[in-house]
Amino acid sequence: RLPPPGEDGSETGQVYGLTLLPVSVCFIVYALRQYTVRAAMIRRREPGPYEDLAGPTVLAGMLMVSIGANFMLKLSQVVRE
């Protein structure tokens, strides 16, 4: 038997998921963009550079903020109990 809504932590799980969803979409869009840009560069036989310094840094920052927000949310929930 399942517990009533809100007593099993499902709301917290949904908040975690909604916090991480934009980050994961950004990862997917960035990967697709990098793939298309690099494929076009290879087709045109450009010598490079193929690396991107800003993209991974921004994505890592977004992920850290999201995980930090989830941690603070869980911490505040534990403190209230």
N, C-alpha and C. Protein backbone atom coordinates (compact mmCIF):
# COMPACT_ATOMS: atom_id res chain seq x y z
N ARG A 1 0.83 -1.19 0.00
CA ARG A 1 0.00 0.00 0.00
C ARG A 1 0.88 1.25 0.00
N LEU A 2 0.50 2.23 -0.81
CA LEU A 2 1.27 3.45 -0.92
C LEU A 2 0.83 4.46 0.13
N PRO A 3 1.81 5.20 0.69
CA PRO A 3 1.44 6.25 1.65
C PRO A 3 0.75 7.40 0.94
N PRO A 4 -0.01 8.21 1.69
CA PRO A 4 -0.68 9.37 1.09
C PRO A 4 0.33 10.35 0.49
N PRO A 5 -0.09 11.13 -0.50
CA PRO A 5 0.83 12.10 -1.11
C PRO A 5 1.40 13.07 -0.08
N GLY A 6 2.67 13.35 -0.22
CA GLY A 6 3.33 14.29 0.68
C GLY A 6 4.00 13.62 1.87
N GLU A 7 3.66 12.37 2.16
CA GLU A 7 4.26 11.70 3.32
C GLU A 7 5.43 10.80 2.93
N ASP A 8 5.63 10.59 1.64
CA ASP A 8 6.71 9.71 1.21
C ASP A 8 7.87 10.47 0.58
N GLY A 9 7.84 11.78 0.65
CA GLY A 9 8.90 12.59 0.08
C GLY A 9 8.75 12.81 -1.42
N SER A 10 7.60 12.49 -1.98
CA SER A 10 7.43 12.63 -3.43
C SER A 10 7.47 14.10 -3.86
N GLU A 11 6.99 14.99 -3.00
CA GLU A 11 7.03 16.42 -3.35
C GLU A 11 8.49 16.89 -3.42
N THR A 12 9.28 16.43 -2.49
CA THR A 12 10.70 16.80 -2.50
C THR A 12 11.37 16.24 -3.74
N GLY A 13 11.05 15.01 -4.09
CA GLY A 13 11.61 14.41 -5.30
C GLY A 13 11.22 15.17 -6.55
N GLN A 14 10.00 15.65 -6.59
CA GLN A 14 9.56 16.43 -7.74
C GLN A 14 10.30 17.76 -7.82
N VAL A 15 10.54 18.37 -6.67
CA VAL A 15 11.29 19.63 -6.67
C VAL A 15 12.72 19.37 -7.13
N TYR A 16 13.33 18.26 -6.68
CA TYR A 16 14.67 17.91 -7.13
C TYR A 16 14.69 17.74 -8.65
N GLY A 17 13.70 17.02 -9.15
CA GLY A 17 13.63 16.79 -10.59
C GLY A 17 13.43 18.07 -11.37
N LEU A 18 12.57 18.95 -10.88
CA LEU A 18 12.33 20.21 -11.57
C LEU A 18 13.54 21.14 -11.50
N THR A 19 14.35 20.99 -10.46
CA THR A 19 15.56 21.78 -10.35
C THR A 19 16.62 21.29 -11.33
N LEU A 20 16.72 19.98 -11.50
CA LEU A 20 17.73 19.42 -12.39
C LEU A 20 17.31 19.38 -13.86
N LEU A 21 16.02 19.48 -14.13
CA LEU A 21 15.53 19.40 -15.51
C LEU A 21 16.12 20.47 -16.42
N PRO A 22 16.11 21.76 -16.05
CA PRO A 22 16.70 22.77 -16.95
C PRO A 22 18.19 22.54 -17.18
N VAL A 23 18.88 22.05 -16.16
CA VAL A 23 20.31 21.79 -16.30
C VAL A 23 20.53 20.67 -17.32
N SER A 24 19.74 19.62 -17.23
CA SER A 24 19.92 18.51 -18.17
C SER A 24 19.56 18.92 -19.59
N VAL A 25 18.55 19.76 -19.74
CA VAL A 25 18.19 20.26 -21.08
C VAL A 25 19.33 21.11 -21.63
N CYS A 26 19.95 21.92 -20.80
CA CYS A 26 21.10 22.71 -21.24
C CYS A 26 22.26 21.82 -21.68
N PHE A 27 22.50 20.74 -20.96
CA PHE A 27 23.55 19.79 -21.35
C PHE A 27 23.25 19.21 -22.73
N ILE A 28 22.00 18.83 -22.96
CA ILE A 28 21.61 18.23 -24.24
C ILE A 28 21.76 19.24 -25.38
N VAL A 29 21.28 20.45 -25.17
CA VAL A 29 21.36 21.49 -26.21
C VAL A 29 22.82 21.82 -26.50
N TYR A 30 23.64 21.92 -25.47
CA TYR A 30 25.06 22.23 -25.66
C TYR A 30 25.74 21.12 -26.46
N ALA A 31 25.47 19.86 -26.11
CA ALA A 31 26.09 18.74 -26.81
C ALA A 31 25.68 18.73 -28.28
N LEU A 32 24.41 18.98 -28.55
CA LEU A 32 23.94 19.01 -29.94
C LEU A 32 24.60 20.14 -30.72
N ARG A 33 24.70 21.29 -30.08
CA ARG A 33 25.34 22.45 -30.73
C ARG A 33 26.80 22.16 -31.03
N GLN A 34 27.51 21.61 -30.06
CA GLN A 34 28.92 21.29 -30.26
C GLN A 34 29.10 20.27 -31.38
N TYR A 35 28.23 19.28 -31.42
CA TYR A 35 28.31 18.27 -32.46
C TYR A 35 28.13 18.88 -33.84
N THR A 36 27.12 19.72 -34.00
CA THR A 36 26.86 20.30 -35.32
C THR A 36 27.97 21.26 -35.73
N VAL A 37 28.47 22.05 -34.79
CA VAL A 37 29.55 22.99 -35.12
C VAL A 37 30.81 22.24 -35.50
N ARG A 38 31.17 21.23 -34.73
CA ARG A 38 32.40 20.47 -35.04
C ARG A 38 32.26 19.67 -36.32
N ALA A 39 31.09 19.11 -36.57
CA ALA A 39 30.88 18.36 -37.82
C ALA A 39 31.02 19.29 -39.02
N ALA A 40 30.49 20.50 -38.92
CA ALA A 40 30.62 21.46 -40.01
C ALA A 40 32.08 21.87 -40.20
N MET A 41 32.81 22.04 -39.12
CA MET A 41 34.23 22.40 -39.22
C MET A 41 35.02 21.28 -39.89
N ILE A 42 34.70 20.04 -39.56
CA ILE A 42 35.40 18.90 -40.18
C ILE A 42 35.06 18.82 -41.66
N ARG A 43 33.78 19.02 -42.00
CA ARG A 43 33.39 18.98 -43.41
C ARG A 43 34.11 20.05 -44.22
N ARG A 44 34.29 21.23 -43.62
CA ARG A 44 34.98 22.31 -44.32
C ARG A 44 36.50 22.19 -44.21
N ARG A 45 36.96 21.15 -43.52
CA ARG A 45 38.40 20.88 -43.33
C ARG A 45 39.13 22.05 -42.66
N GLU A 46 38.46 22.65 -41.69
CA GLU A 46 39.08 23.74 -40.94
C GLU A 46 40.08 23.15 -39.95
N PRO A 47 41.17 23.85 -39.72
CA PRO A 47 42.20 23.32 -38.82
C PRO A 47 41.83 23.40 -37.33
N GLY A 48 40.82 24.15 -36.97
CA GLY A 48 40.44 24.24 -35.56
C GLY A 48 40.44 25.67 -35.10
N PRO A 49 40.38 25.94 -33.88
CA PRO A 49 40.37 25.06 -32.70
C PRO A 49 38.99 24.41 -32.50
N TYR A 50 39.01 23.22 -31.98
CA TYR A 50 37.78 22.47 -31.76
C TYR A 50 37.30 22.53 -30.31
N GLU A 51 38.12 23.04 -29.43
CA GLU A 51 37.74 23.06 -28.01
C GLU A 51 36.89 24.28 -27.68
N ASP A 52 36.13 24.14 -26.61
CA ASP A 52 35.29 25.21 -26.11
C ASP A 52 35.58 25.34 -24.62
N LEU A 53 36.04 26.50 -24.20
CA LEU A 53 36.40 26.68 -22.79
C LEU A 53 35.24 27.19 -21.95
N ALA A 54 34.36 27.98 -22.53
CA ALA A 54 33.28 28.60 -21.75
C ALA A 54 32.13 27.64 -21.48
N GLY A 55 31.75 26.83 -22.45
CA GLY A 55 30.58 25.96 -22.32
C GLY A 55 30.64 25.01 -21.13
N PRO A 56 31.69 24.19 -21.02
CA PRO A 56 31.76 23.27 -19.89
C PRO A 56 31.82 23.99 -18.53
N THR A 57 32.44 25.15 -18.50
CA THR A 57 32.52 25.91 -17.26
C THR A 57 31.14 26.39 -16.83
N VAL A 58 30.38 26.90 -17.77
CA VAL A 58 29.02 27.37 -17.47
C VAL A 58 28.13 26.19 -17.05
N LEU A 59 28.23 25.08 -17.77
CA LEU A 59 27.42 23.91 -17.42
C LEU A 59 27.78 23.38 -16.03
N ALA A 60 29.06 23.32 -15.72
CA ALA A 60 29.48 22.86 -14.40
C ALA A 60 28.98 23.80 -13.31
N GLY A 61 29.02 25.10 -13.57
CA GLY A 61 28.49 26.07 -12.61
C GLY A 61 27.00 25.90 -12.39
N MET A 62 26.26 25.70 -13.47
CA MET A 62 24.82 25.47 -13.36
C MET A 62 24.53 24.22 -12.54
N LEU A 63 25.29 23.16 -12.80
CA LEU A 63 25.08 21.91 -12.08
C LEU A 63 25.40 22.08 -10.60
N MET A 64 26.46 22.80 -10.28
CA MET A 64 26.83 23.02 -8.88
C MET A 64 25.76 23.84 -8.16
N VAL A 65 25.23 24.86 -8.81
CA VAL A 65 24.18 25.68 -8.19
C VAL A 65 22.93 24.83 -7.96
N SER A 66 22.59 24.01 -8.93
CA SER A 66 21.40 23.17 -8.82
C SER A 66 21.55 22.15 -7.68
N ILE A 67 22.69 21.50 -7.61
CA ILE A 67 22.92 20.52 -6.54
C ILE A 67 22.97 21.23 -5.19
N GLY A 68 23.59 22.41 -5.14
CA GLY A 68 23.63 23.19 -3.90
C GLY A 68 22.23 23.59 -3.44
N ALA A 69 21.38 23.98 -4.40
CA ALA A 69 20.01 24.35 -4.05
C ALA A 69 19.25 23.14 -3.52
N ASN A 70 19.44 21.98 -4.14
CA ASN A 70 18.80 20.76 -3.65
C ASN A 70 19.28 20.40 -2.25
N PHE A 71 20.57 20.58 -2.01
CA PHE A 71 21.12 20.29 -0.69
C PHE A 71 20.53 21.22 0.36
N MET A 72 20.45 22.50 0.05
CA MET A 72 19.90 23.46 0.99
C MET A 72 18.42 23.18 1.25
N LEU A 73 17.71 22.78 0.22
CA LEU A 73 16.31 22.45 0.37
C LEU A 73 16.13 21.26 1.31
N LYS A 74 16.94 20.23 1.13
CA LYS A 74 16.85 19.04 1.98
C LYS A 74 17.29 19.40 3.40
N LEU A 75 18.32 20.20 3.54
CA LEU A 75 18.80 20.61 4.85
C LEU A 75 17.73 21.39 5.61
N SER A 76 17.05 22.30 4.92
CA SER A 76 15.99 23.07 5.59
C SER A 76 14.82 22.16 5.97
N GLN A 77 14.56 21.14 5.16
CA GLN A 77 13.50 20.19 5.47
C GLN A 77 13.86 19.35 6.71
N VAL A 78 15.12 18.96 6.82
CA VAL A 78 15.56 18.17 7.96
C VAL A 78 15.53 19.02 9.24
N VAL A 79 15.92 20.28 9.14
CA VAL A 79 15.95 21.16 10.29
C VAL A 79 14.52 21.41 10.80
N ARG A 80 13.55 21.53 9.89
CA ARG A 80 12.16 21.76 10.29
C ARG A 80 11.57 20.56 11.01
N GLU A 81 12.07 19.35 10.72
CA GLU A 81 11.50 18.13 11.35
C GLU A 81 12.04 17.92 12.70
